Amino acid sequence: MNQEDLHTEKIIADRKIFFLDLKENARGRVVKITEDVNGNRDTIMVPAEILGDFIEALTDIKETADNQEEE
């Protein structure tokens, strides 16, 4: 399955590196999220058509975490 890279972001947090890659193949677009910890990698794929829902859920989680830090 040939995938074309459309956009990549990299986030470094302590000993972890996160790669967020927007890719396109014959079946559509996906965001590939890879966590690298000392060479060990785990990956999930999020279909681009549900990316808005995914971001909304992460925003809700962030708001909850931020509110708990204030307490």
N, C-alpha and C. Protein backbone atom coordinates (compact mmCIF):
# COMPACT_ATOMS: atom_id res chain seq x y z
N MET A 1 0.85 -1.17 0.00
CA MET A 1 0.00 0.00 0.00
C MET A 1 0.89 1.24 0.00
N ASN A 2 0.89 1.98 -1.08
CA ASN A 2 1.72 3.17 -1.22
C ASN A 2 1.01 4.36 -0.58
N GLN A 3 1.71 5.05 0.33
CA GLN A 3 1.13 6.20 1.00
C GLN A 3 1.94 7.44 0.68
N GLU A 4 1.24 8.53 0.42
CA GLU A 4 1.88 9.81 0.16
C GLU A 4 1.82 10.65 1.42
N ASP A 5 2.97 11.16 1.86
CA ASP A 5 3.02 12.06 3.02
C ASP A 5 2.59 13.46 2.59
N LEU A 6 1.58 14.01 3.29
CA LEU A 6 1.07 15.33 2.96
C LEU A 6 1.54 16.40 3.94
N HIS A 7 1.73 15.99 5.21
CA HIS A 7 2.15 16.95 6.24
C HIS A 7 2.65 16.16 7.45
N THR A 8 3.68 16.67 8.12
CA THR A 8 4.22 16.02 9.30
C THR A 8 4.48 17.04 10.39
N GLU A 9 4.16 16.67 11.62
CA GLU A 9 4.49 17.47 12.81
C GLU A 9 5.23 16.57 13.78
N LYS A 10 6.09 17.16 14.60
CA LYS A 10 6.87 16.41 15.58
C LYS A 10 6.77 17.13 16.92
N ILE A 11 6.46 16.37 17.97
CA ILE A 11 6.36 16.93 19.32
C ILE A 11 7.33 16.15 20.21
N ILE A 12 8.19 16.88 20.92
CA ILE A 12 9.14 16.25 21.84
C ILE A 12 8.69 16.55 23.26
N ALA A 13 8.52 15.50 24.05
CA ALA A 13 8.08 15.65 25.45
C ALA A 13 8.89 14.69 26.31
N ASP A 14 9.82 15.24 27.09
CA ASP A 14 10.69 14.42 27.94
C ASP A 14 11.41 13.38 27.09
N ARG A 15 11.18 12.10 27.40
CA ARG A 15 11.88 11.03 26.67
C ARG A 15 11.05 10.48 25.52
N LYS A 16 9.92 11.12 25.22
CA LYS A 16 9.04 10.66 24.15
C LYS A 16 9.08 11.62 22.98
N ILE A 17 8.90 11.05 21.79
CA ILE A 17 8.74 11.85 20.58
C ILE A 17 7.44 11.39 19.92
N PHE A 18 6.59 12.34 19.57
CA PHE A 18 5.35 12.03 18.87
C PHE A 18 5.46 12.56 17.44
N PHE A 19 5.11 11.71 16.49
CA PHE A 19 5.06 12.11 15.08
C PHE A 19 3.60 12.07 14.66
N LEU A 20 3.13 13.15 14.04
CA LEU A 20 1.76 13.21 13.51
C LEU A 20 1.89 13.43 12.01
N ASP A 21 1.49 12.43 11.25
CA ASP A 21 1.67 12.45 9.80
C ASP A 21 0.32 12.36 9.10
N LEU A 22 0.04 13.34 8.25
CA LEU A 22 -1.14 13.27 7.39
C LEU A 22 -0.71 12.53 6.13
N LYS A 23 -1.39 11.43 5.85
CA LYS A 23 -1.04 10.59 4.71
C LYS A 23 -2.26 10.37 3.84
N GLU A 24 -2.00 10.05 2.59
CA GLU A 24 -3.08 9.74 1.66
C GLU A 24 -2.71 8.49 0.88
N ASN A 25 -3.69 7.61 0.73
CA ASN A 25 -3.49 6.42 -0.10
C ASN A 25 -4.76 6.20 -0.92
N ALA A 26 -4.84 5.08 -1.56
CA ALA A 26 -5.99 4.80 -2.45
C ALA A 26 -7.31 4.78 -1.69
N ARG A 27 -7.26 4.50 -0.37
CA ARG A 27 -8.50 4.43 0.43
C ARG A 27 -8.87 5.75 1.08
N GLY A 28 -8.02 6.77 0.98
CA GLY A 28 -8.33 8.08 1.56
C GLY A 28 -7.20 8.63 2.39
N ARG A 29 -7.55 9.60 3.23
CA ARG A 29 -6.56 10.26 4.08
C ARG A 29 -6.66 9.78 5.52
N VAL A 30 -5.51 9.67 6.17
CA VAL A 30 -5.45 9.29 7.57
C VAL A 30 -4.38 10.11 8.27
N VAL A 31 -4.55 10.25 9.58
CA VAL A 31 -3.50 10.83 10.40
C VAL A 31 -2.87 9.66 11.16
N LYS A 32 -1.60 9.47 10.95
CA LYS A 32 -0.84 8.42 11.62
C LYS A 32 -0.15 9.07 12.80
N ILE A 33 -0.44 8.60 14.01
CA ILE A 33 0.14 9.15 15.23
C ILE A 33 1.08 8.08 15.79
N THR A 34 2.35 8.42 15.86
CA THR A 34 3.36 7.48 16.33
C THR A 34 4.04 8.04 17.57
N GLU A 35 4.14 7.19 18.60
CA GLU A 35 4.87 7.53 19.82
C GLU A 35 6.16 6.73 19.81
N ASP A 36 7.28 7.42 19.96
CA ASP A 36 8.59 6.77 20.01
C ASP A 36 9.18 7.00 21.39
N VAL A 37 9.45 5.90 22.11
CA VAL A 37 10.09 5.97 23.42
C VAL A 37 11.33 5.09 23.36
N ASN A 38 12.47 5.74 23.29
CA ASN A 38 13.75 5.00 23.23
C ASN A 38 13.77 3.94 22.13
N GLY A 39 13.23 4.27 20.97
CA GLY A 39 13.24 3.35 19.84
C GLY A 39 12.06 2.41 19.77
N ASN A 40 11.26 2.34 20.81
CA ASN A 40 10.04 1.52 20.78
C ASN A 40 8.89 2.38 20.27
N ARG A 41 8.21 1.89 19.24
CA ARG A 41 7.16 2.70 18.62
C ARG A 41 5.80 2.04 18.71
N ASP A 42 4.80 2.88 18.97
CA ASP A 42 3.39 2.47 18.91
C ASP A 42 2.70 3.45 17.99
N THR A 43 1.77 2.96 17.20
CA THR A 43 1.12 3.79 16.19
C THR A 43 -0.38 3.55 16.18
N ILE A 44 -1.13 4.64 15.99
CA ILE A 44 -2.56 4.53 15.71
C ILE A 44 -2.84 5.32 14.43
N MET A 45 -3.91 4.93 13.75
CA MET A 45 -4.33 5.62 12.53
C MET A 45 -5.72 6.19 12.77
N VAL A 46 -5.89 7.47 12.48
CA VAL A 46 -7.18 8.14 12.64
C VAL A 46 -7.66 8.57 11.25
N PRO A 47 -8.78 8.05 10.79
CA PRO A 47 -9.29 8.47 9.49
C PRO A 47 -9.55 9.98 9.47
N ALA A 48 -9.14 10.64 8.42
CA ALA A 48 -9.28 12.09 8.33
C ALA A 48 -10.72 12.55 8.49
N GLU A 49 -11.69 11.74 8.06
CA GLU A 49 -13.08 12.17 8.14
C GLU A 49 -13.60 12.26 9.57
N ILE A 50 -12.92 11.63 10.55
CA ILE A 50 -13.35 11.78 11.95
C ILE A 50 -12.36 12.61 12.76
N LEU A 51 -11.44 13.27 12.08
CA LEU A 51 -10.43 14.06 12.77
C LEU A 51 -11.05 15.16 13.62
N GLY A 52 -12.11 15.78 13.17
CA GLY A 52 -12.80 16.81 13.95
C GLY A 52 -13.32 16.26 15.27
N ASP A 53 -13.93 15.07 15.23
CA ASP A 53 -14.42 14.42 16.45
C ASP A 53 -13.27 14.08 17.38
N PHE A 54 -12.17 13.60 16.81
CA PHE A 54 -10.99 13.23 17.59
C PHE A 54 -10.42 14.45 18.31
N ILE A 55 -10.29 15.56 17.58
CA ILE A 55 -9.76 16.80 18.17
C ILE A 55 -10.71 17.34 19.23
N GLU A 56 -12.01 17.26 18.99
CA GLU A 56 -13.00 17.71 19.97
C GLU A 56 -12.88 16.91 21.27
N ALA A 57 -12.72 15.59 21.14
CA ALA A 57 -12.57 14.75 22.32
C ALA A 57 -11.29 15.10 23.08
N LEU A 58 -10.19 15.32 22.35
CA LEU A 58 -8.94 15.70 23.00
C LEU A 58 -9.05 17.06 23.69
N THR A 59 -9.78 17.99 23.07
CA THR A 59 -10.01 19.30 23.67
C THR A 59 -10.78 19.17 24.97
N ASP A 60 -11.82 18.32 24.99
CA ASP A 60 -12.58 18.09 26.21
C ASP A 60 -11.70 17.50 27.31
N ILE A 61 -10.84 16.55 26.93
CA ILE A 61 -9.93 15.94 27.91
C ILE A 61 -8.95 16.98 28.44
N LYS A 62 -8.43 17.84 27.57
CA LYS A 62 -7.50 18.88 28.00
C LYS A 62 -8.17 19.85 28.97
N GLU A 63 -9.40 20.24 28.68
CA GLU A 63 -10.13 21.15 29.57
C GLU A 63 -10.32 20.52 30.95
N THR A 64 -10.66 19.24 30.98
CA THR A 64 -10.82 18.54 32.26
C THR A 64 -9.50 18.50 33.01
N ALA A 65 -8.42 18.17 32.32
CA ALA A 65 -7.09 18.13 32.96
C ALA A 65 -6.69 19.50 33.48
N ASP A 66 -6.94 20.54 32.68
CA ASP A 66 -6.60 21.91 33.11
C ASP A 66 -7.39 22.30 34.36
N ASN A 67 -8.68 21.95 34.40
CA ASN A 67 -9.52 22.27 35.55
C ASN A 67 -9.06 21.53 36.80
N GLN A 68 -8.62 20.31 36.65
CA GLN A 68 -8.14 19.53 37.80
C GLN A 68 -6.83 20.08 38.34
N GLU A 69 -5.99 20.65 37.46
CA GLU A 69 -4.73 21.25 37.91
C GLU A 69 -4.98 22.49 38.76
N GLU A 70 -6.07 23.21 38.48
CA GLU A 70 -6.39 24.45 39.20
C GLU A 70 -6.89 24.16 40.61
N GLU A 71 -7.37 22.96 40.87
CA GLU A 71 -7.96 22.64 42.18
C GLU A 71 -6.89 22.44 43.23
